[in-house]
Amino acid sequence: MGGFAWIKGGAPGQVIISQTAGTRSEGSTWLGTDPSEGKFMASLTHEVLPLKSDFVITDDQWHDIGLVYDGSSKYLYVDGAEVAKDTKSFSMLESSDGGLYLGAGKHLDEASFFSALIDDVRIHNRAVSP
């Protein structure tokens, strides 16, 4: 499974791609920024702690960002380089039947709206590499 997008701008705490709560999950942030510094992160439904990178993506430069799950671990990529990896493996991600939001968080709260540019969004149902 993987999701990629080109982005430019944004602010800390804003979300690029999220999934709404469905009947089988509480929703998740596929691609987003941490609320304090604008670092790239992802927080999927069953996780207590999000997967965070040290890479700030809210610097008003174009970045190709992505999340990949290969069946056991999740990886975050920025501009073709791996910037974060799970420290533990997962046998399977929880499935969800919730819809996808582009440029907004799973609860559509105004603070999560991505006030910047999003281009070339790609979502794959298999593991891919950047």
Protein backbone atom coordinates (compact mmCIF):
# COMPACT_ATOMS: atom_id res chain seq x y z
CA MET A 1 0.00 0.00 0.00
CA GLY A 2 1.29 3.44 -0.75
CA GLY A 3 0.26 7.05 -1.11
CA PHE A 4 2.28 9.83 -2.73
CA ALA A 5 1.74 13.49 -3.58
CA TRP A 6 3.66 16.59 -4.57
CA ILE A 7 3.13 19.46 -2.12
CA LYS A 8 4.35 23.02 -1.67
CA GLY A 9 3.80 25.08 1.46
CA GLY A 10 1.42 24.34 4.27
CA ALA A 11 1.75 24.89 7.99
CA PRO A 12 2.30 22.75 11.08
CA GLY A 13 -0.71 20.57 11.94
CA GLN A 14 -2.17 20.59 8.43
CA VAL A 15 -3.13 17.38 6.60
CA ILE A 16 -2.51 16.39 2.98
CA ILE A 17 -4.43 13.07 2.83
CA SER A 18 -6.67 11.58 5.51
CA GLN A 19 -9.24 8.82 5.72
CA THR A 20 -12.56 9.34 7.45
CA ALA A 21 -13.90 7.06 10.11
CA GLY A 22 -15.80 4.14 8.65
CA THR A 23 -17.67 1.29 10.25
CA ARG A 24 -14.38 -0.54 10.89
CA SER A 25 -12.03 2.25 11.96
CA GLU A 26 -11.69 5.62 13.62
CA GLY A 27 -9.98 7.29 10.66
CA SER A 28 -6.35 8.17 10.01
CA THR A 29 -3.88 10.70 8.66
CA TRP A 30 -2.05 9.16 5.71
CA LEU A 31 0.12 12.20 4.93
CA GLY A 32 0.37 15.19 7.25
CA THR A 33 2.53 17.54 9.27
CA ASP A 34 3.22 17.51 12.99
CA PRO A 35 1.51 20.32 14.89
CA SER A 36 4.64 21.96 16.28
CA GLU A 37 7.25 22.19 13.50
CA GLY A 38 5.68 21.07 10.21
CA LYS A 39 7.63 17.80 10.04
CA PHE A 40 6.28 15.07 7.78
CA MET A 41 4.26 12.38 9.60
CA ALA A 42 1.61 9.68 9.24
CA SER A 43 -0.77 8.30 11.84
CA LEU A 44 -2.77 5.23 10.85
CA THR A 45 -5.82 3.94 12.70
CA HIS A 46 -4.42 1.32 15.06
CA GLU A 47 -1.31 3.25 16.12
CA VAL A 48 -0.84 4.90 19.48
CA LEU A 49 2.09 7.00 18.26
CA PRO A 50 2.38 8.42 14.73
CA LEU A 51 5.34 7.69 12.45
CA LYS A 52 7.28 10.97 12.35
CA SER A 53 10.24 12.17 10.34
CA ASP A 54 12.68 14.97 11.09
CA PHE A 55 12.06 16.47 7.64
CA VAL A 56 10.15 19.78 7.60
CA ILE A 57 7.89 19.82 4.53
CA THR A 58 6.24 23.21 5.20
CA ASP A 59 9.24 25.20 3.89
CA ASP A 60 7.44 26.56 0.78
CA GLN A 61 9.46 24.28 -1.55
CA TRP A 62 8.02 21.55 -3.77
CA HIS A 63 8.40 18.08 -2.17
CA ASP A 64 7.41 14.63 -3.41
CA ILE A 65 6.15 12.94 -0.23
CA GLY A 66 4.97 9.39 0.33
CA LEU A 67 3.92 6.65 2.72
CA VAL A 68 4.63 2.98 1.90
CA TYR A 69 3.52 -0.12 3.78
CA ASP A 70 5.29 -3.29 2.57
CA GLY A 71 3.30 -5.84 4.57
CA SER A 72 5.33 -5.52 7.75
CA SER A 73 6.68 -1.96 8.11
CA LYS A 74 5.73 1.58 7.14
CA TYR A 75 8.16 4.06 5.54
CA LEU A 76 7.98 7.80 4.91
CA TYR A 77 9.71 9.28 1.86
CA VAL A 78 10.53 12.87 0.90
CA ASP A 79 11.99 13.66 -2.52
CA GLY A 80 12.84 9.98 -3.14
CA ALA A 81 14.71 9.46 0.13
CA GLU A 82 13.52 7.43 3.13
CA VAL A 83 13.09 9.82 6.08
CA ALA A 84 11.39 7.53 8.64
CA LYS A 85 10.73 3.82 9.21
CA ASP A 86 8.74 1.88 11.80
CA THR A 87 10.78 0.49 14.67
CA LYS A 88 8.35 -2.43 15.00
CA SER A 89 6.62 -4.51 12.36
CA PHE A 90 2.92 -4.94 11.77
CA SER A 91 1.50 -8.09 10.30
CA MET A 92 -1.43 -6.26 8.75
CA LEU A 93 -2.85 -2.76 8.74
CA GLU A 94 -6.46 -2.40 9.83
CA SER A 95 -8.80 -2.10 6.87
CA SER A 96 -11.25 0.78 6.62
CA ASP A 97 -14.25 1.62 4.51
CA GLY A 98 -14.06 5.36 5.23
CA GLY A 99 -13.67 7.87 2.41
CA LEU A 100 -10.53 9.85 1.58
CA TYR A 101 -10.07 13.58 2.08
CA LEU A 102 -7.47 15.54 0.14
CA GLY A 103 -6.25 18.65 1.93
CA ALA A 104 -8.18 18.10 5.17
CA GLY A 105 -8.05 16.07 8.36
CA LYS A 106 -10.34 13.14 9.11
CA HIS A 107 -12.72 15.32 11.19
CA LEU A 108 -12.71 18.25 8.73
CA ASP A 109 -11.59 20.64 11.45
CA GLU A 110 -10.53 23.97 9.96
CA ALA A 111 -7.04 23.88 11.50
CA SER A 112 -6.28 20.71 9.50
CA PHE A 113 -7.05 22.26 6.07
CA PHE A 114 -3.92 22.22 3.89
CA SER A 115 -3.58 25.86 2.83
CA ALA A 116 -1.01 25.24 0.11
CA LEU A 117 -0.54 23.37 -3.17
CA ILE A 118 -1.16 19.64 -3.73
CA ASP A 119 -0.42 18.00 -7.07
CA ASP A 120 -0.14 14.51 -8.62
CA VAL A 121 -1.75 12.46 -5.84
CA ARG A 122 -1.16 8.72 -6.30
CA ILE A 123 -2.61 5.93 -4.16
CA HIS A 124 -1.57 2.32 -4.72
CA ASN A 125 -2.99 -0.92 -3.33
CA ARG A 126 0.47 -2.52 -3.30
CA ALA A 127 3.87 -1.58 -1.93
CA VAL A 128 5.75 0.75 -4.28
CA SER A 129 9.03 2.58 -4.08
CA PRO A 130 9.44 6.29 -4.79
